């Protein structure tokens, strides 16, 4: 009886240890420019790095300035050799707070979304 309970406990521990991998979602791990940062000059590209590999053709990123103008010049693009990253070309015309709203689809078909901002000072 004791060895059977031990085996069940070991099986349960293994299941719990591997469950997060099976239920993984692509969350934003970092961004360039960094979340909440202030940069001196307007970046030409936004780089988003996620915790899981992405299905980039089904991801969306909106980038707007304080006046609501669209600062993205195209759709998200895959980053060669980095399946967990996407980049978006930018054309920021004025300094101020830039808002980024992202929708990601991981390769295991889980959807996530979020937003952040950075500021262009000059």
PDB file of N, CA and C in Angstrom:
ATOM      1  N   UNK A   1       0.827  -1.192   0.000  1.00  0.00           N
ATOM      2  CA  UNK A   1       0.000   0.000   0.000  1.00  0.00           C
ATOM      3  C   UNK A   1       0.871   1.256   0.000  1.00  0.00           C
ATOM      4  N   UNK A   2       1.912   1.238   0.816  1.00  0.00           N
ATOM      5  CA  UNK A   2       2.793   2.398   0.939  1.00  0.00           C
ATOM      6  C   UNK A   2       3.507   2.677  -0.385  1.00  0.00           C
ATOM      7  N   UNK A   3       3.990   1.625  -1.054  1.00  0.00           N
ATOM      8  CA  UNK A   3       4.695   1.836  -2.316  1.00  0.00           C
ATOM      9  C   UNK A   3       3.732   2.304  -3.410  1.00  0.00           C
ATOM     10  N   UNK A   4       2.489   1.866  -3.329  1.00  0.00           N
ATOM     11  CA  UNK A   4       1.495   2.304  -4.305  1.00  0.00           C
ATOM     12  C   UNK A   4       1.199   3.793  -4.113  1.00  0.00           C
ATOM     13  N   UNK A   5       1.063   4.255  -2.875  1.00  0.00           N
ATOM     14  CA  UNK A   5       0.849   5.675  -2.606  1.00  0.00           C
ATOM     15  C   UNK A   5       2.054   6.495  -3.036  1.00  0.00           C
ATOM     16  N   UNK A   6       3.247   5.953  -2.803  1.00  0.00           N
ATOM     17  CA  UNK A   6       4.464   6.642  -3.232  1.00  0.00           C
ATOM     18  C   UNK A   6       4.514   6.794  -4.738  1.00  0.00           C
ATOM     19  N   UNK A   7       4.123   5.747  -5.462  1.00  0.00           N
ATOM     20  CA  UNK A   7       4.105   5.795  -6.926  1.00  0.00           C
ATOM     21  C   UNK A   7       3.078   6.806  -7.423  1.00  0.00           C
ATOM     22  N   UNK A   8       1.905   6.845  -6.774  1.00  0.00           N
ATOM     23  CA  UNK A   8       0.883   7.818  -7.152  1.00  0.00           C
ATOM     24  C   UNK A   8       1.358   9.247  -6.883  1.00  0.00           C
ATOM     25  N   UNK A   9       2.026   9.425  -5.753  1.00  0.00           N
ATOM     26  CA  UNK A   9       2.565  10.740  -5.409  1.00  0.00           C
ATOM     27  C   UNK A   9       3.615  11.182  -6.412  1.00  0.00           C
ATOM     28  N   UNK A  10       4.481  10.261  -6.807  1.00  0.00           N
ATOM     29  CA  UNK A  10       5.508  10.571  -7.797  1.00  0.00           C
ATOM     30  C   UNK A  10       4.871  10.922  -9.139  1.00  0.00           C
ATOM     31  N   UNK A  11       3.856  10.182  -9.533  1.00  0.00           N
ATOM     32  CA  UNK A  11       3.155  10.457 -10.791  1.00  0.00           C
ATOM     33  C   UNK A  11       2.473  11.823 -10.738  1.00  0.00           C
ATOM     34  N   UNK A  12       1.855  12.143  -9.612  1.00  0.00           N
ATOM     35  CA  UNK A  12       1.197  13.436  -9.460  1.00  0.00           C
ATOM     36  C   UNK A  12       2.213  14.570  -9.516  1.00  0.00           C
ATOM     37  N   UNK A  13       3.347  14.392  -8.867  1.00  0.00           N
ATOM     38  CA  UNK A  13       4.397  15.415  -8.885  1.00  0.00           C
ATOM     39  C   UNK A  13       4.921  15.627 -10.301  1.00  0.00           C
ATOM     40  N   UNK A  14       5.111  14.551 -11.045  1.00  0.00           N
ATOM     41  CA  UNK A  14       5.576  14.652 -12.426  1.00  0.00           C
ATOM     42  C   UNK A  14       4.552  15.388 -13.281  1.00  0.00           C
ATOM     43  N   UNK A  15       3.278  15.089 -13.097  1.00  0.00           N
ATOM     44  CA  UNK A  15       2.215  15.736 -13.864  1.00  0.00           C
ATOM     45  C   UNK A  15       2.189  17.228 -13.579  1.00  0.00           C
ATOM     46  N   UNK A  16       2.279  17.598 -12.326  1.00  0.00           N
ATOM     47  CA  UNK A  16       2.286  19.012 -11.959  1.00  0.00           C
ATOM     48  C   UNK A  16       3.517  19.724 -12.486  1.00  0.00           C
ATOM     49  N   UNK A  17       4.648  19.055 -12.476  1.00  0.00           N
ATOM     50  CA  UNK A  17       5.890  19.670 -12.949  1.00  0.00           C
ATOM     51  C   UNK A  17       5.866  19.908 -14.448  1.00  0.00           C
ATOM     52  N   UNK A  18       5.200  19.065 -15.195  1.00  0.00           N
ATOM     53  CA  UNK A  18       5.177  19.213 -16.649  1.00  0.00           C
ATOM     54  C   UNK A  18       3.951  19.960 -17.151  1.00  0.00           C
ATOM     55  N   UNK A  19       2.939  20.163 -16.335  1.00  0.00           N
ATOM     56  CA  UNK A  19       1.703  20.818 -16.767  1.00  0.00           C
ATOM     57  C   UNK A  19       1.923  22.233 -17.284  1.00  0.00           C
ATOM     58  N   UNK A  20       2.722  23.096 -16.647  1.00  0.00           N
ATOM     59  CA  UNK A  20       2.896  24.449 -17.167  1.00  0.00           C
ATOM     60  C   UNK A  20       3.452  24.477 -18.589  1.00  0.00           C
ATOM     61  N   UNK A  21       4.281  23.531 -18.957  1.00  0.00           N
ATOM     62  CA  UNK A  21       4.817  23.495 -20.307  1.00  0.00           C
ATOM     63  C   UNK A  21       3.714  23.170 -21.307  1.00  0.00           C
ATOM     64  N   UNK A  22       2.818  22.296 -20.940  1.00  0.00           N
ATOM     65  CA  UNK A  22       1.739  21.912 -21.841  1.00  0.00           C
ATOM     66  C   UNK A  22       0.714  23.031 -21.990  1.00  0.00           C
ATOM     67  N   UNK A  23       0.594  23.886 -20.996  1.00  0.00           N
ATOM     68  CA  UNK A  23      -0.391  24.957 -21.016  1.00  0.00           C
ATOM     69  C   UNK A  23       0.265  26.323 -21.204  1.00  0.00           C
ATOM     70  N   UNK A  24       1.427  26.355 -21.798  1.00  0.00           N
ATOM     71  CA  UNK A  24       2.187  27.592 -21.931  1.00  0.00           C
ATOM     72  C   UNK A  24       1.494  28.580 -22.868  1.00  0.00           C
ATOM     73  N   UNK A  25       1.697  29.844 -22.600  1.00  0.00           N
ATOM     74  CA  UNK A  25       1.194  30.930 -23.416  1.00  0.00           C
ATOM     75  C   UNK A  25       2.359  31.867 -23.724  1.00  0.00           C
ATOM     76  N   UNK A  26       2.247  32.600 -24.813  1.00  0.00           N
ATOM     77  CA  UNK A  26       3.292  33.541 -25.205  1.00  0.00           C
ATOM     78  C   UNK A  26       3.054  34.883 -24.520  1.00  0.00           C
ATOM     79  N   UNK A  27       3.811  35.140 -23.473  1.00  0.00           N
ATOM     80  CA  UNK A  27       3.737  36.421 -22.777  1.00  0.00           C
ATOM     81  C   UNK A  27       4.934  37.270 -23.145  1.00  0.00           C
ATOM     82  N   UNK A  28       4.751  38.576 -23.110  1.00  0.00           N
ATOM     83  CA  UNK A  28       5.840  39.490 -23.429  1.00  0.00           C
ATOM     84  C   UNK A  28       6.929  39.364 -22.376  1.00  0.00           C
ATOM     85  N   UNK A  29       8.129  39.028 -22.805  1.00  0.00           N
ATOM     86  CA  UNK A  29       9.274  38.900 -21.896  1.00  0.00           C
ATOM     87  C   UNK A  29      10.070  40.196 -21.841  1.00  0.00           C
ATOM     88  N   UNK A  30      10.232  40.850 -23.009  1.00  0.00           N
ATOM     89  CA  UNK A  30      10.929  42.140 -23.054  1.00  0.00           C
ATOM     90  C   UNK A  30      10.624  42.824 -24.367  1.00  0.00           C
ATOM     91  N   UNK A  31      10.912  44.090 -24.394  1.00  0.00           N
ATOM     92  CA  UNK A  31      10.676  44.891 -25.592  1.00  0.00           C
ATOM     93  C   UNK A  31      11.849  45.845 -25.780  1.00  0.00           C
ATOM     94  N   UNK A  32      12.063  46.242 -27.018  1.00  0.00           N
ATOM     95  CA  UNK A  32      13.049  47.269 -27.334  1.00  0.00           C
ATOM     96  C   UNK A  32      12.396  48.241 -28.305  1.00  0.00           C
ATOM     97  N   UNK A  33      12.176  49.498 -27.869  1.00  0.00           N
ATOM     98  CA  UNK A  33      12.511  50.112 -26.596  1.00  0.00           C
ATOM     99  C   UNK A  33      11.825  49.405 -25.423  1.00  0.00           C
ATOM    100  N   UNK A  34      12.464  49.524 -24.264  1.00  0.00           N
ATOM    101  CA  UNK A  34      11.980  48.842 -23.073  1.00  0.00           C
ATOM    102  C   UNK A  34      10.644  49.412 -22.580  1.00  0.00           C
ATOM    103  N   UNK A  35       9.873  48.553 -21.968  1.00  0.00           N
ATOM    104  CA  UNK A  35       8.587  48.931 -21.387  1.00  0.00           C
ATOM    105  C   UNK A  35       8.809  50.053 -20.373  1.00  0.00           C
ATOM    106  N   UNK A  36       8.065  51.153 -20.526  1.00  0.00           N
ATOM    107  CA  UNK A  36       8.130  52.276 -19.592  1.00  0.00           C
ATOM    108  C   UNK A  36       9.354  53.158 -19.724  1.00  0.00           C
ATOM    109  N   UNK A  37      10.202  52.894 -20.704  1.00  0.00           N
ATOM    110  CA  UNK A  37      11.455  53.647 -20.838  1.00  0.00           C
ATOM    111  C   UNK A  37      11.239  54.985 -21.540  1.00  0.00           C
ATOM    112  N   UNK A  38      12.256  55.825 -21.454  1.00  0.00           N
ATOM    113  CA  UNK A  38      12.313  57.067 -22.218  1.00  0.00           C
ATOM    114  C   UNK A  38      13.536  56.994 -23.111  1.00  0.00           C
ATOM    115  N   UNK A  39      13.316  57.225 -24.408  1.00  0.00           N
ATOM    116  CA  UNK A  39      14.411  57.210 -25.375  1.00  0.00           C
ATOM    117  C   UNK A  39      14.574  58.610 -25.952  1.00  0.00           C
ATOM    118  N   UNK A  40      15.797  58.947 -26.326  1.00  0.00           N
ATOM    119  CA  UNK A  40      16.096  60.282 -26.846  1.00  0.00           C
ATOM    120  C   UNK A  40      15.597  60.477 -28.279  1.00  0.00           C
ATOM    121  N   UNK A  41      15.807  59.460 -29.103  1.00  0.00           N
ATOM    122  CA  UNK A  41      15.402  59.560 -30.505  1.00  0.00           C
ATOM    123  C   UNK A  41      14.374  58.474 -30.819  1.00  0.00           C
ATOM    124  N   UNK A  42      13.538  58.760 -31.777  1.00  0.00           N
ATOM    125  CA  UNK A  42      12.491  57.818 -32.162  1.00  0.00           C
ATOM    126  C   UNK A  42      13.105  56.576 -32.801  1.00  0.00           C
ATOM    127  N   UNK A  43      12.763  55.403 -32.299  1.00  0.00           N
ATOM    128  CA  UNK A  43      13.293  54.162 -32.890  1.00  0.00           C
ATOM    129  C   UNK A  43      12.665  53.906 -34.253  1.00  0.00           C
ATOM    130  N   UNK A  44      13.389  53.228 -35.117  1.00  0.00           N
ATOM    131  CA  UNK A  44      12.885  52.858 -36.441  1.00  0.00           C
ATOM    132  C   UNK A  44      12.201  51.492 -36.427  1.00  0.00           C
ATOM    133  N   UNK A  45      12.417  50.744 -35.316  1.00  0.00           N
ATOM    134  CA  UNK A  45      11.890  49.389 -35.226  1.00  0.00           C
ATOM    135  C   UNK A  45      11.512  49.097 -33.776  1.00  0.00           C
ATOM    136  N   UNK A  46      10.418  48.399 -33.596  1.00  0.00           N
ATOM    137  CA  UNK A  46       9.997  47.891 -32.292  1.00  0.00           C
ATOM    138  C   UNK A  46      10.261  46.391 -32.296  1.00  0.00           C
ATOM    139  N   UNK A  47      10.948  45.888 -31.283  1.00  0.00           N
ATOM    140  CA  UNK A  47      11.237  44.464 -31.161  1.00  0.00           C
ATOM    141  C   UNK A  47      10.549  43.927 -29.914  1.00  0.00           C
ATOM    142  N   UNK A  48       9.734  42.896 -30.096  1.00  0.00           N
ATOM    143  CA  UNK A  48       9.032  42.269 -28.983  1.00  0.00           C
ATOM    144  C   UNK A  48       9.510  40.825 -28.843  1.00  0.00           C
ATOM    145  N   UNK A  49       9.910  40.454 -27.635  1.00  0.00           N
ATOM    146  CA  UNK A  49      10.388  39.105 -27.345  1.00  0.00           C
ATOM    147  C   UNK A  49       9.412  38.445 -26.390  1.00  0.00           C
ATOM    148  N   UNK A  50       8.975  37.237 -26.735  1.00  0.00           N
ATOM    149  CA  UNK A  50       7.962  36.524 -25.961  1.00  0.00           C
ATOM    150  C   UNK A  50       8.534  35.273 -25.301  1.00  0.00           C
ATOM    151  N   UNK A  51       7.777  34.730 -24.375  1.00  0.00           N
ATOM    152  CA  UNK A  51       8.209  33.553 -23.623  1.00  0.00           C
ATOM    153  C   UNK A  51       8.030  32.263 -24.401  1.00  0.00           C
ATOM    154  N   UNK A  52       7.305  32.300 -25.501  1.00  0.00           N
ATOM    155  CA  UNK A  52       7.047  31.122 -26.343  1.00  0.00           C
ATOM    156  C   UNK A  52       7.209  31.508 -27.802  1.00  0.00           C
ATOM    157  N   UNK A  53       7.354  30.522 -28.659  1.00  0.00           N
ATOM    158  CA  UNK A  53       7.432  30.760 -30.090  1.00  0.00           C
ATOM    159  C   UNK A  53       6.088  31.262 -30.606  1.00  0.00           C
ATOM    160  N   UNK A  54       6.151  32.111 -31.641  1.00  0.00           N
ATOM    161  CA  UNK A  54       4.971  32.792 -32.157  1.00  0.00           C
ATOM    162  C   UNK A  54       4.552  32.289 -33.532  1.00  0.00           C
ATOM    163  N   UNK A  55       3.289  32.478 -33.830  1.00  0.00           N
ATOM    164  CA  UNK A  55       2.753  32.292 -35.167  1.00  0.00           C
ATOM    165  C   UNK A  55       2.532  33.716 -35.697  1.00  0.00           C
ATOM    166  N   UNK A  56       3.622  34.357 -36.131  1.00  0.00           N
ATOM    167  CA  UNK A  56       3.646  35.791 -36.423  1.00  0.00           C
ATOM    168  C   UNK A  56       2.587  36.251 -37.430  1.00  0.00           C
ATOM    169  N   UNK A  57       2.278  35.504 -38.483  1.00  0.00           N
ATOM    170  CA  UNK A  57       1.257  36.003 -39.410  1.00  0.00           C
ATOM    171  C   UNK A  57      -0.107  36.259 -38.753  1.00  0.00           C
ATOM    172  N   UNK A  58      -0.339  35.682 -37.595  1.00  0.00           N
ATOM    173  CA  UNK A  58      -1.613  35.860 -36.902  1.00  0.00           C
ATOM    174  C   UNK A  58      -1.491  36.763 -35.676  1.00  0.00           C
ATOM    175  N   UNK A  59      -0.367  37.442 -35.531  1.00  0.00           N
ATOM    176  CA  UNK A  59      -0.156  38.391 -34.435  1.00  0.00           C
ATOM    177  C   UNK A  59      -0.465  39.800 -34.924  1.00  0.00           C
ATOM    178  N   UNK A  60      -0.815  40.671 -33.997  1.00  0.00           N
ATOM    179  CA  UNK A  60      -1.112  42.066 -34.336  1.00  0.00           C
ATOM    180  C   UNK A  60      -0.425  42.981 -33.338  1.00  0.00           C
ATOM    181  N   UNK A  61       0.049  44.119 -33.830  1.00  0.00           N
ATOM    182  CA  UNK A  61       0.646  45.135 -32.976  1.00  0.00           C
ATOM    183  C   UNK A  61       0.183  46.496 -33.476  1.00  0.00           C
ATOM    184  N   UNK A  62      -0.377  47.291 -32.569  1.00  0.00           N
ATOM    185  CA  UNK A  62      -0.766  48.668 -32.879  1.00  0.00           C
ATOM    186  C   UNK A  62       0.151  49.597 -32.096  1.00  0.00           C
ATOM    187  N   UNK A  63       0.676  50.598 -32.766  1.00  0.00           N
ATOM    188  CA  UNK A  63       1.576  51.567 -32.139  1.00  0.00           C
ATOM    189  C   UNK A  63       1.022  52.949 -32.431  1.00  0.00           C
ATOM    190  N   UNK A  64       0.682  53.697 -31.388  1.00  0.00           N
ATOM    191  CA  UNK A  64       0.099  55.025 -31.575  1.00  0.00           C
ATOM    192  C   UNK A  64       0.789  56.049 -30.691  1.00  0.00           C
ATOM    193  N   UNK A  65       0.783  57.307 -31.171  1.00  0.00           N
ATOM    194  CA  UNK A  65       1.341  58.389 -30.370  1.00  0.00           C
ATOM    195  C   UNK A  65       0.233  59.020 -29.524  1.00  0.00           C
ATOM    196  N   UNK A  66       0.572  60.086 -28.801  1.00  0.00           N
ATOM    197  CA  UNK A  66      -0.376  60.723 -27.887  1.00  0.00           C
ATOM    198  C   UNK A  66      -1.591  61.306 -28.613  1.00  0.00           C
ATOM    199  N   UNK A  67      -1.451  61.603 -29.895  1.00  0.00           N
ATOM    200  CA  UNK A  67      -2.557  62.153 -30.682  1.00  0.00           C
ATOM    201  C   UNK A  67      -3.394  61.058 -31.336  1.00  0.00           C
ATOM    202  N   UNK A  68      -2.980  59.786 -31.143  1.00  0.00           N
ATOM    203  CA  UNK A  68      -3.717  58.669 -31.719  1.00  0.00           C
ATOM    204  C   UNK A  68      -3.275  58.290 -33.121  1.00  0.00           C
ATOM    205  N   UNK A  69      -2.218  58.937 -33.613  1.00  0.00           N
ATOM    206  CA  UNK A  69      -1.728  58.622 -34.955  1.00  0.00           C
ATOM    207  C   UNK A  69      -1.027  57.266 -34.962  1.00  0.00           C
ATOM    208  N   UNK A  70      -1.202  56.536 -36.041  1.00  0.00           N
ATOM    209  CA  UNK A  70      -0.564  55.232 -36.212  1.00  0.00           C
ATOM    210  C   UNK A  70       0.922  55.435 -36.509  1.00  0.00           C
ATOM    211  N   UNK A  71       1.775  54.872 -35.667  1.00  0.00           N
ATOM    212  CA  UNK A  71       3.218  54.999 -35.853  1.00  0.00           C
ATOM    213  C   UNK A  71       3.863  53.729 -36.388  1.00  0.00           C
ATOM    214  N   UNK A  72       3.075  52.690 -36.635  1.00  0.00           N
ATOM    215  CA  UNK A  72       3.603  51.467 -37.241  1.00  0.00           C
ATOM    216  C   UNK A  72       3.494  51.616 -38.752  1.00  0.00           C
ATOM    217  N   UNK A  73       4.535  51.195 -39.477  1.00  0.00           N
ATOM    218  CA  UNK A  73       4.491  51.331 -40.934  1.00  0.00           C
ATOM    219  C   UNK A  73       4.199  50.010 -41.627  1.00  0.00           C
ATOM    220  N   UNK A  74       3.955  48.979 -40.855  1.00  0.00           N
ATOM    221  CA  UNK A  74       3.649  47.688 -41.449  1.00  0.00           C
ATOM    222  C   UNK A  74       3.177  46.708 -40.396  1.00  0.00           C
ATOM    223  N   UNK A  75       2.950  45.484 -40.848  1.00  0.00           N
ATOM    224  CA  UNK A  75       2.517  44.411 -39.958  1.00  0.00           C
ATOM    225  C   UNK A  75       3.720  43.833 -39.218  1.00  0.00           C
ATOM    226  N   UNK A  76       3.457  43.116 -38.121  1.00  0.00           N
ATOM    227  CA  UNK A  76       4.564  42.436 -37.435  1.00  0.00           C
ATOM    228  C   UNK A  76       5.282  41.482 -38.384  1.00  0.00           C
ATOM    229  N   UNK A  77       6.602  41.429 -38.222  1.00  0.00           N
ATOM    230  CA  UNK A  77       7.438  40.565 -39.045  1.00  0.00           C
ATOM    231  C   UNK A  77       8.166  39.580 -38.142  1.00  0.00           C
ATOM    232  N   UNK A  78       8.377  38.369 -38.640  1.00  0.00           N
ATOM    233  CA  UNK A  78       9.174  37.382 -37.913  1.00  0.00           C
ATOM    234  C   UNK A  78      10.635  37.845 -37.900  1.00  0.00           C
ATOM    235  N   UNK A  79      11.355  37.469 -36.857  1.00  0.00           N
ATOM    236  CA  UNK A  79      12.783  37.757 -36.770  1.00  0.00           C
ATOM    237  C   UNK A  79      13.514  36.460 -37.102  1.00  0.00           C
ATOM    238  N   UNK A  80      14.235  36.416 -38.216  1.00  0.00           N
ATOM    239  CA  UNK A  80      14.906  35.171 -38.617  1.00  0.00           C
ATOM    240  C   UNK A  80      15.783  34.602 -37.498  1.00  0.00           C
ATOM    241  N   UNK A  81      15.598  33.314 -37.230  1.00  0.00           N
ATOM    242  CA  UNK A  81      16.384  32.636 -36.211  1.00  0.00           C
ATOM    243  C   UNK A  81      15.886  32.822 -34.790  1.00  0.00           C
ATOM    244  N   UNK A  82      14.799  33.587 -34.618  1.00  0.00           N
ATOM    245  CA  UNK A  82      14.252  33.860 -33.285  1.00  0.00           C
ATOM    246  C   UNK A  82      12.730  33.689 -33.339  1.00  0.00           C
ATOM    247  N   UNK A  83      12.272  32.459 -33.194  1.00  0.00           N
ATOM    248  CA  UNK A  83      10.847  32.150 -33.351  1.00  0.00           C
ATOM    249  C   UNK A  83       9.966  32.776 -32.274  1.00  0.00           C
ATOM    250  N   UNK A  84      10.573  33.284 -31.208  1.00  0.00           N
ATOM    251  CA  UNK A  84       9.797  33.904 -30.130  1.00  0.00           C
ATOM    252  C   UNK A  84       9.817  35.437 -30.215  1.00  0.00           C
ATOM    253  N   UNK A  85      10.259  35.973 -31.355  1.00  0.00           N
ATOM    254  CA  UNK A  85      10.330  37.424 -31.500  1.00  0.00           C
ATOM    255  C   UNK A  85       9.582  37.892 -32.745  1.00  0.00           C
ATOM    256  N   UNK A  86       9.081  39.119 -32.646  1.00  0.00           N
ATOM    257  CA  UNK A  86       8.539  39.791 -33.815  1.00  0.00           C
ATOM    258  C   UNK A  86       8.959  41.243 -33.761  1.00  0.00           C
ATOM    259  N   UNK A  87       9.035  41.845 -34.936  1.00  0.00           N
ATOM    260  CA  UNK A  87       9.426  43.246 -35.024  1.00  0.00           C
ATOM    261  C   UNK A  87       8.410  44.001 -35.870  1.00  0.00           C
ATOM    262  N   UNK A  88       8.320  45.305 -35.589  1.00  0.00           N
ATOM    263  CA  UNK A  88       7.380  46.153 -36.304  1.00  0.00           C
ATOM    264  C   UNK A  88       8.127  47.414 -36.726  1.00  0.00           C
ATOM    265  N   UNK A  89       8.157  47.725 -38.030  1.00  0.00           N
ATOM    266  CA  UNK A  89       8.784  48.968 -38.474  1.00  0.00           C
ATOM    267  C   UNK A  89       7.972  50.168 -37.979  1.00  0.00           C
ATOM    268  N   UNK A  90       8.685  51.208 -37.550  1.00  0.00           N
ATOM    269  CA  UNK A  90       8.035  52.390 -36.988  1.00  0.00           C
ATOM    270  C   UNK A  90       8.362  53.641 -37.786  1.00  0.00           C
ATOM    271  N   UNK A  91       7.460  54.610 -37.697  1.00  0.00           N
ATOM    272  CA  UNK A  91       7.683  55.935 -38.265  1.00  0.00           C
ATOM    273  C   UNK A  91       7.084  56.948 -37.301  1.00  0.00           C
ATOM    274  N   UNK A  92       7.753  57.137 -36.173  1.00  0.00           N
ATOM    275  CA  UNK A  92       7.263  58.050 -35.133  1.00  0.00           C
ATOM    276  C   UNK A  92       7.606  59.473 -35.551  1.00  0.00           C
ATOM    277  N   UNK A  93       6.584  60.324 -35.655  1.00  0.00           N
ATOM    278  CA  UNK A  93       6.756  61.679 -36.163  1.00  0.00           C
ATOM    279  C   UNK A  93       6.923  62.747 -35.088  1.00  0.00           C
ATOM    280  N   UNK A  94       6.501  62.453 -33.859  1.00  0.00           N
ATOM    281  CA  UNK A  94       6.571  63.482 -32.817  1.00  0.00           C
ATOM    282  C   UNK A  94       6.973  62.874 -31.473  1.00  0.00           C
ATOM    283  N   UNK A  95       7.659  63.650 -30.659  1.00  0.00           N
ATOM    284  CA  UNK A  95       7.998  63.152 -29.323  1.00  0.00           C
ATOM    285  C   UNK A  95       6.743  62.997 -28.482  1.00  0.00           C
ATOM    286  N   UNK A  96       6.877  62.198 -27.418  1.00  0.00           N
ATOM    287  CA  UNK A  96       5.758  61.994 -26.508  1.00  0.00           C
ATOM    288  C   UNK A  96       5.597  60.532 -26.152  1.00  0.00           C
ATOM    289  N   UNK A  97       4.481  60.237 -25.524  1.00  0.00           N
ATOM    290  CA  UNK A  97       4.176  58.882 -25.069  1.00  0.00           C
ATOM    291  C   UNK A  97       3.694  58.040 -26.249  1.00  0.00           C
ATOM    292  N   UNK A  98       4.315  56.887 -26.435  1.00  0.00           N
ATOM    293  CA  UNK A  98       3.965  55.956 -27.501  1.00  0.00           C
ATOM    294  C   UNK A  98       3.326  54.728 -26.850  1.00  0.00           C
ATOM    295  N   UNK A  99       2.141  54.374 -27.294  1.00  0.00           N
ATOM    296  CA  UNK A  99       1.414  53.227 -26.745  1.00  0.00           C
ATOM    297  C   UNK A  99       1.514  52.050 -27.713  1.00  0.00           C
ATOM    298  N   UNK A 100       1.816  50.886 -27.153  1.00  0.00           N
ATOM    299  CA  UNK A 100       1.907  49.653 -27.932  1.00  0.00           C
ATOM    300  C   UNK A 100       0.854  48.683 -27.394  1.00  0.00           C
ATOM    301  N   UNK A 101      -0.001  48.206 -28.276  1.00  0.00           N
ATOM    302  CA  UNK A 101      -0.999  47.192 -27.926  1.00  0.00           C
ATOM    303  C   UNK A 101      -0.708  45.973 -28.789  1.00  0.00           C
ATOM    304  N   UNK A 102      -0.463  44.837 -28.143  1.00  0.00           N
ATOM    305  CA  UNK A 102      -0.099  43.626 -28.891  1.00  0.00           C
ATOM    306  C   UNK A 102      -1.093  42.496 -28.637  1.00  0.00           C
ATOM    307  N   UNK A 103      -1.257  41.683 -29.667  1.00  0.00           N
ATOM    308  CA  UNK A 103      -2.043  40.451 -29.619  1.00  0.00           C
ATOM    309  C   UNK A 103      -1.149  39.371 -30.205  1.00  0.00           C
ATOM    310  N   UNK A 104      -0.837  38.353 -29.425  1.00  0.00           N
ATOM    311  CA  UNK A 104       0.073  37.301 -29.881  1.00  0.00           C
ATOM    312  C   UNK A 104      -0.652  35.962 -29.963  1.00  0.00           C
ATOM    313  N   UNK A 105      -0.251  35.173 -30.938  1.00  0.00           N
ATOM    314  CA  UNK A 105      -0.723  33.804 -31.067  1.00  0.00           C
ATOM    315  C   UNK A 105       0.515  32.913 -31.051  1.00  0.00           C
ATOM    316  N   UNK A 106       0.601  32.063 -30.041  1.00  0.00           N
ATOM    317  CA  UNK A 106       1.751  31.169 -29.952  1.00  0.00           C
ATOM    318  C   UNK A 106       1.573  30.012 -30.925  1.00  0.00           C
ATOM    319  N   UNK A 107       2.652  29.295 -31.198  1.00  0.00           N
ATOM    320  CA  UNK A 107       2.580  28.179 -32.139  1.00  0.00           C
ATOM    321  C   UNK A 107       1.663  27.068 -31.631  1.00  0.00           C
ATOM    322  N   UNK A 108       1.401  27.027 -30.315  1.00  0.00           N
ATOM    323  CA  UNK A 108       0.466  26.031 -29.789  1.00  0.00           C
ATOM    324  C   UNK A 108      -0.969  26.575 -29.748  1.00  0.00           C
ATOM    325  N   UNK A 109      -1.222  27.662 -30.462  1.00  0.00           N
ATOM    326  CA  UNK A 109      -2.529  28.300 -30.694  1.00  0.00           C
ATOM    327  C   UNK A 109      -3.138  29.008 -29.490  1.00  0.00           C
ATOM    328  N   UNK A 110      -2.365  29.309 -28.480  1.00  0.00           N
ATOM    329  CA  UNK A 110      -2.881  30.093 -27.355  1.00  0.00           C
ATOM    330  C   UNK A 110      -2.734  31.578 -27.669  1.00  0.00           C
ATOM    331  N   UNK A 111      -3.784  32.349 -27.374  1.00  0.00           N
ATOM    332  CA  UNK A 111      -3.791  33.786 -27.622  1.00  0.00           C
ATOM    333  C   UNK A 111      -3.499  34.538 -26.325  1.00  0.00           C
ATOM    334  N   UNK A 112      -2.708  35.595 -26.433  1.00  0.00           N
ATOM    335  CA  UNK A 112      -2.464  36.504 -25.318  1.00  0.00           C
ATOM    336  C   UNK A 112      -2.481  37.923 -25.865  1.00  0.00           C
ATOM    337  N   UNK A 113      -2.621  38.868 -24.972  1.00  0.00           N
ATOM    338  CA  UNK A 113      -2.609  40.267 -25.379  1.00  0.00           C
ATOM    339  C   UNK A 113      -2.123  41.125 -24.227  1.00  0.00           C
ATOM    340  N   UNK A 114      -1.713  42.309 -24.565  1.00  0.00           N
ATOM    341  CA  UNK A 114      -1.257  43.234 -23.545  1.00  0.00           C
ATOM    342  C   UNK A 114      -0.917  44.577 -24.156  1.00  0.00           C
ATOM    343  N   UNK A 115      -0.466  45.476 -23.316  1.00  0.00           N
ATOM    344  CA  UNK A 115      -0.090  46.799 -23.795  1.00  0.00           C
ATOM    345  C   UNK A 115       0.983  47.378 -22.881  1.00  0.00           C
ATOM    346  N   UNK A 116       1.688  48.347 -23.400  1.00  0.00           N
ATOM    347  CA  UNK A 116       2.675  49.084 -22.627  1.00  0.00           C
ATOM    348  C   UNK A 116       2.958  50.390 -23.352  1.00  0.00           C
ATOM    349  N   UNK A 117       3.785  51.205 -22.760  1.00  0.00           N
ATOM    350  CA  UNK A 117       4.172  52.444 -23.416  1.00  0.00           C
ATOM    351  C   UNK A 117       5.660  52.691 -23.219  1.00  0.00           C
ATOM    352  N   UNK A 118       6.181  53.556 -24.058  1.00  0.00           N
ATOM    353  CA  UNK A 118       7.508  54.131 -23.880  1.00  0.00           C
ATOM    354  C   UNK A 118       7.397  55.577 -24.325  1.00  0.00           C
ATOM    355  N   UNK A 119       8.369  56.377 -24.005  1.00  0.00           N
ATOM    356  CA  UNK A 119       8.316  57.806 -24.317  1.00  0.00           C
ATOM    357  C   UNK A 119       9.507  58.198 -25.174  1.00  0.00           C
ATOM    358  N   UNK A 120       9.235  59.021 -26.186  1.00  0.00           N
ATOM    359  CA  UNK A 120      10.293  59.601 -27.004  1.00  0.00           C
ATOM    360  C   UNK A 120      10.422  61.047 -26.532  1.00  0.00           C
ATOM    361  N   UNK A 121      11.606  61.406 -26.014  1.00  0.00           N
ATOM    362  CA  UNK A 121      11.767  62.727 -25.408  1.00  0.00           C
ATOM    363  C   UNK A 121      12.168  63.809 -26.401  1.00  0.00           C
ATOM    364  N   UNK A 122      12.786  63.457 -27.475  1.00  0.00           N
ATOM    365  CA  UNK A 122      13.248  64.517 -28.365  1.00  0.00           C
ATOM    366  C   UNK A 122      13.174  64.135 -29.743  1.00  0.00           C
TER     367      UNK A 122
END
